[in-house]
């Protein structure tokens, strides 16, 4: 589940940056 733990914050960061 290492990929999941890395991908979730990454996706969240991108969403926050795009807002």
C-alpha atoms as a PDB file:
ATOM      1  CA  UNK A   1       0.000   0.000   0.000  1.00  0.00           C
ATOM      2  CA  UNK A   2       3.035   2.260  -0.318  1.00  0.00           C
ATOM      3  CA  UNK A   3       1.878   3.565  -3.681  1.00  0.00           C
ATOM      4  CA  UNK A   4      -1.548   4.434  -2.271  1.00  0.00           C
ATOM      5  CA  UNK A   5       0.013   6.349   0.635  1.00  0.00           C
ATOM      6  CA  UNK A   6       2.109   8.314  -1.830  1.00  0.00           C
ATOM      7  CA  UNK A   7      -0.532   8.866  -4.489  1.00  0.00           C
ATOM      8  CA  UNK A   8      -3.318  10.143  -2.255  1.00  0.00           C
ATOM      9  CA  UNK A   9      -1.406  13.143  -0.813  1.00  0.00           C
ATOM     10  CA  UNK A  10      -0.010  13.806  -4.267  1.00  0.00           C
ATOM     11  CA  UNK A  11      -3.466  13.934  -5.866  1.00  0.00           C
ATOM     12  CA  UNK A  12      -4.746  16.074  -3.000  1.00  0.00           C
ATOM     13  CA  UNK A  13      -1.850  18.502  -3.438  1.00  0.00           C
ATOM     14  CA  UNK A  14      -2.544  18.843  -7.144  1.00  0.00           C
ATOM     15  CA  UNK A  15      -6.212  19.512  -6.491  1.00  0.00           C
ATOM     16  CA  UNK A  16      -5.417  22.166  -3.899  1.00  0.00           C
ATOM     17  CA  UNK A  17      -2.910  23.822  -6.197  1.00  0.00           C
ATOM     18  CA  UNK A  18      -5.366  23.903  -9.110  1.00  0.00           C
ATOM     19  CA  UNK A  19      -8.108  25.499  -7.014  1.00  0.00           C
END
